């Protein structure tokens, strides 16, 4: 594991300390690593969503009504399509 020295603003340090006080994390390093993991996962989800939106925008418009789109979406989610 790589060691790194970082500085925090007072509000961020207070927030980190409050999280430490819950005893969910054994160190600030563990907490910061968890926050980074969460941010990385969130970025993957955002990138996926952007890709889907770009694909949808590039595919053109539909003549389906919002009710038809909702019905298709529910079928897709339920594995019926």
Protein backbone atom coordinates (compact mmCIF):
# COMPACT_ATOMS: atom_id res chain seq x y z
CA UNK A 1 0.00 0.00 0.00
CA UNK A 2 1.27 3.46 -0.87
CA UNK A 3 1.58 5.95 1.97
CA UNK A 4 0.42 9.48 1.26
CA UNK A 5 0.31 12.61 3.36
CA UNK A 6 -2.70 14.86 2.80
CA UNK A 7 -4.17 17.92 4.48
CA UNK A 8 -7.84 18.59 5.22
CA UNK A 9 -9.75 21.79 5.73
CA UNK A 10 -11.13 22.20 9.23
CA UNK A 11 -14.75 21.38 8.24
CA UNK A 12 -13.64 18.26 6.37
CA UNK A 13 -11.46 17.15 9.26
CA UNK A 14 -14.35 17.63 11.67
CA UNK A 15 -16.62 15.57 9.41
CA UNK A 16 -14.00 12.82 9.14
CA UNK A 17 -13.58 12.82 12.91
CA UNK A 18 -17.35 12.58 13.39
CA UNK A 19 -17.38 9.53 11.10
CA UNK A 20 -14.52 8.03 13.08
CA UNK A 21 -16.49 8.56 16.29
CA UNK A 22 -19.19 6.20 15.00
CA UNK A 23 -16.51 3.45 15.15
CA UNK A 24 -17.53 2.21 11.70
CA UNK A 25 -13.99 2.87 10.50
CA UNK A 26 -10.79 2.07 12.34
CA UNK A 27 -8.77 4.90 10.75
CA UNK A 28 -9.09 7.97 8.58
CA UNK A 29 -7.19 6.12 5.88
CA UNK A 30 -9.83 3.39 5.83
CA UNK A 31 -12.57 6.02 5.64
CA UNK A 32 -10.88 8.00 2.85
CA UNK A 33 -10.27 4.79 0.87
CA UNK A 34 -13.94 3.87 1.24
CA UNK A 35 -14.99 7.33 0.04
CA UNK A 36 -12.73 6.98 -2.99
CA UNK A 37 -14.15 3.51 -3.76
CA UNK A 38 -17.68 4.94 -3.58
CA UNK A 39 -16.73 7.86 -5.85
CA UNK A 40 -15.14 5.48 -8.37
CA UNK A 41 -18.25 3.28 -8.40
CA UNK A 42 -20.46 6.33 -8.80
CA UNK A 43 -18.33 7.54 -11.72
CA UNK A 44 -18.70 4.16 -13.44
CA UNK A 45 -22.49 4.43 -13.06
CA UNK A 46 -22.49 8.02 -14.35
CA UNK A 47 -20.36 7.02 -17.36
CA UNK A 48 -22.73 4.11 -18.10
CA UNK A 49 -25.75 6.39 -17.89
CA UNK A 50 -24.12 9.00 -20.15
CA UNK A 51 -23.35 6.29 -22.70
CA UNK A 52 -26.96 5.08 -22.63
CA UNK A 53 -28.26 8.65 -23.01
CA UNK A 54 -25.91 9.36 -25.92
CA UNK A 55 -26.97 6.12 -27.61
CA UNK A 56 -30.64 7.01 -27.13
CA UNK A 57 -30.14 10.56 -28.42
CA UNK A 58 -28.30 9.29 -31.50
CA UNK A 59 -30.98 6.71 -32.27
CA UNK A 60 -33.52 9.40 -33.12
CA UNK A 61 -37.04 10.10 -31.99
CA UNK A 62 -39.88 7.70 -31.38
CA UNK A 63 -43.54 7.98 -32.20
CA UNK A 64 -44.45 5.91 -29.11
CA UNK A 65 -46.55 7.55 -26.43
CA UNK A 66 -45.20 7.87 -22.91
CA UNK A 67 -47.64 5.13 -21.85
CA UNK A 68 -46.20 2.79 -24.50
CA UNK A 69 -42.63 3.61 -23.45
CA UNK A 70 -43.52 2.98 -19.80
CA UNK A 71 -45.14 -0.35 -20.68
CA UNK A 72 -42.08 -1.41 -22.69
CA UNK A 73 -39.76 -0.35 -19.87
CA UNK A 74 -41.72 -2.38 -17.31
CA UNK A 75 -41.64 -5.44 -19.58
CA UNK A 76 -37.90 -5.03 -20.03
CA UNK A 77 -37.34 -4.70 -16.28
CA UNK A 78 -39.48 -7.78 -15.63
CA UNK A 79 -37.53 -9.78 -18.20
CA UNK A 80 -40.52 -10.16 -20.50
CA UNK A 81 -38.68 -8.84 -23.55
